[in-house]
C-alpha cells in the first residue's frame, strides 16, 4: 500500500498550487493533495472539505485540520513512506500544512503542495522535521 501511495503522491508533482483545489495537474493545496491521494486509493472522500481561508483556523486557535485527520487517518508514532505528516508552520500557531512522506532513512523526503511552488518533493530537513506535530497512516480500508 505504501508504494502505491507514494507513487500516487509523486504523480501530482508539478501540479500548480491552487488554494482549496484538488485536481492533479490543474491545481492543489496541501489538503487537496492528500484528498486526491485518498480518492485514488478509496474512491470517494470520507467527507466534504468545508471552505477554508489561507489562515485556516488560526484566529480561533482551533486545530481543525488535526481533528479532521484524526477522524479519517490512523495516528502513528513513527512515519513510514506513504504516511501523512502534519506540520505546525510556526510555534504557537495551529497545525495547517500536510505532506506525504516519500522516503525515510538517511535522506527523508516528502511530497506536499506549497504556496508559490506547487506540488513538490522536498527533503525533510531538520527545520521541516521540527515542525512535524503528528503522523498518520492511511487506513487499510474504509467502510
Protein backbone atom coordinates (compact mmCIF):
# COMPACT_ATOMS: atom_id res chain seq x y z
CA UNK A 1 0.00 0.00 0.00
CA UNK A 2 2.73 2.48 0.90
CA UNK A 3 4.39 2.20 -2.52
CA UNK A 4 1.06 2.92 -4.21
CA UNK A 5 0.51 5.98 -2.02
CA UNK A 6 3.98 7.37 -2.73
CA UNK A 7 3.57 6.66 -6.44
CA UNK A 8 0.23 8.48 -6.46
CA UNK A 9 1.61 11.44 -4.50
CA UNK A 10 4.51 11.73 -6.94
CA UNK A 11 2.08 11.65 -9.86
CA UNK A 12 0.89 15.06 -8.57
CA UNK A 13 4.38 16.61 -8.81
CA UNK A 14 4.29 19.79 -10.86
CA UNK A 15 0.61 20.45 -10.15
CA UNK A 16 0.26 24.22 -9.58
CA UNK A 17 -0.64 25.49 -6.13
CA UNK A 18 -4.31 26.47 -6.01
CA UNK A 19 -5.99 27.18 -2.68
CA UNK A 20 -8.81 24.67 -1.96
CA UNK A 21 -8.21 22.79 -5.24
CA UNK A 22 -7.66 19.04 -5.58
CA UNK A 23 -7.16 18.22 -9.28
CA UNK A 24 -3.94 16.52 -10.36
CA UNK A 25 -2.19 18.63 -12.99
CA UNK A 26 -4.63 21.54 -12.64
CA UNK A 27 -4.28 22.71 -9.04
CA UNK A 28 -4.00 21.61 -5.43
CA UNK A 29 -3.11 22.85 -1.99
CA UNK A 30 -1.66 20.58 0.68
CA UNK A 31 -5.06 19.27 1.76
CA UNK A 32 -6.07 18.87 -1.88
CA UNK A 33 -3.05 16.63 -2.49
CA UNK A 34 -3.99 14.37 0.43
CA UNK A 35 -7.63 14.37 -0.72
CA UNK A 36 -6.54 13.37 -4.23
CA UNK A 37 -4.38 10.53 -2.94
CA UNK A 38 -7.33 9.40 -0.78
CA UNK A 39 -9.63 9.35 -3.84
CA UNK A 40 -7.10 7.34 -5.85
CA UNK A 41 -6.89 4.80 -3.04
CA UNK A 42 -10.51 4.53 -1.90
CA UNK A 43 -12.76 6.26 -4.42
CA UNK A 44 -14.85 8.95 -2.77
CA UNK A 45 -13.69 11.22 0.03
CA UNK A 46 -14.92 10.48 3.54
CA UNK A 47 -16.34 13.98 3.99
CA UNK A 48 -16.62 17.19 2.03
CA UNK A 49 -13.94 19.68 2.97
CA UNK A 50 -15.59 22.89 4.14
CA UNK A 51 -14.45 26.20 2.68
CA UNK A 52 -11.34 27.40 4.48
CA UNK A 53 -9.23 30.52 4.42
CA UNK A 54 -5.46 30.65 3.92
CA UNK A 55 -5.03 31.18 7.67
CA UNK A 56 -7.16 28.10 8.41
CA UNK A 57 -8.43 28.46 11.93
CA UNK A 58 -5.55 30.49 13.33
CA UNK A 59 -7.72 33.40 14.57
CA UNK A 60 -9.86 30.94 16.55
CA UNK A 61 -6.90 28.79 17.62
CA UNK A 62 -8.77 25.62 16.59
CA UNK A 63 -6.91 22.55 15.37
CA UNK A 64 -9.45 21.78 12.63
CA UNK A 65 -7.02 20.05 10.28
CA UNK A 66 -5.69 17.86 13.08
CA UNK A 67 -9.24 16.95 14.14
CA UNK A 68 -10.14 16.01 10.56
CA UNK A 69 -7.01 13.86 10.29
CA UNK A 70 -7.99 12.05 13.48
CA UNK A 71 -11.44 11.31 12.03
CA UNK A 72 -10.09 9.55 8.93
CA UNK A 73 -6.43 8.59 9.38
CA UNK A 74 -4.62 6.45 11.93
CA UNK A 75 -2.11 8.18 14.22
CA UNK A 76 1.35 6.57 14.22
CA UNK A 77 4.44 7.23 16.33
CA UNK A 78 6.94 6.77 13.51
CA UNK A 79 6.13 7.70 9.92
CA UNK A 80 6.91 5.40 7.02
CA UNK A 81 6.77 6.25 3.33
CA UNK A 82 3.14 6.80 2.39
CA UNK A 83 2.22 8.30 5.75
CA UNK A 84 0.80 11.80 6.19
CA UNK A 85 2.79 14.40 8.10
CA UNK A 86 1.04 17.30 9.83
CA UNK A 87 3.12 20.44 10.30
CA UNK A 88 2.85 23.48 12.58
CA UNK A 89 4.41 26.23 10.48
CA UNK A 90 5.38 28.38 13.46
CA UNK A 91 5.42 27.97 17.22
CA UNK A 92 2.07 28.69 18.83
CA UNK A 93 0.15 28.54 15.55
CA UNK A 94 -2.36 25.88 14.60
CA UNK A 95 -1.12 22.95 12.52
CA UNK A 96 -2.09 23.75 8.95
CA UNK A 97 0.25 22.04 6.50
CA UNK A 98 0.25 18.45 5.25
CA UNK A 99 2.69 16.32 3.33
CA UNK A 100 3.17 12.66 2.44
CA UNK A 101 6.45 11.03 3.44
CA UNK A 102 8.03 9.67 0.26
CA UNK A 103 11.43 8.49 1.55
CA UNK A 104 12.72 7.71 5.01
CA UNK A 105 16.12 6.71 6.37
CA UNK A 106 19.23 8.81 5.85
CA UNK A 107 17.62 11.13 3.28
CA UNK A 108 13.93 11.55 4.14
CA UNK A 109 11.70 13.41 1.67
CA UNK A 110 8.05 14.35 1.48
CA UNK A 111 5.59 15.42 -1.21
CA UNK A 112 3.50 18.50 -0.48
CA UNK A 113 1.76 21.42 -2.14
CA UNK A 114 3.44 24.64 -1.17
CA UNK A 115 2.21 28.13 -1.96
CA UNK A 116 4.36 29.64 -4.70
CA UNK A 117 5.86 26.26 -5.66
CA UNK A 118 3.01 23.87 -6.42
CA UNK A 119 3.26 20.17 -5.62
CA UNK A 120 6.92 19.41 -4.97
CA UNK A 121 9.07 16.80 -3.29
CA UNK A 122 11.23 18.31 -0.56
CA UNK A 123 13.94 16.98 1.69
CA UNK A 124 12.67 16.61 5.23
CA UNK A 125 15.43 18.84 6.58
CA UNK A 126 15.79 19.45 10.33
CA UNK A 127 13.80 22.73 10.10
CA UNK A 128 10.92 20.88 8.40
CA UNK A 129 11.20 17.88 10.75
CA UNK A 130 10.95 20.15 13.81
CA UNK A 131 7.60 21.40 12.51
CA UNK A 132 6.02 17.91 12.35
CA UNK A 133 3.45 17.63 15.15
CA UNK A 134 1.63 14.44 14.12
CA UNK A 135 1.98 11.48 11.78
CA UNK A 136 -0.83 9.40 10.31
CA UNK A 137 -1.20 6.36 8.12
CA UNK A 138 -3.98 5.86 5.64
CA UNK A 139 -6.41 3.16 6.80
CA UNK A 140 -6.11 -0.31 5.29
CA UNK A 141 -9.67 0.03 4.08
CA UNK A 142 -12.65 2.28 4.60
CA UNK A 143 -16.18 1.17 5.30
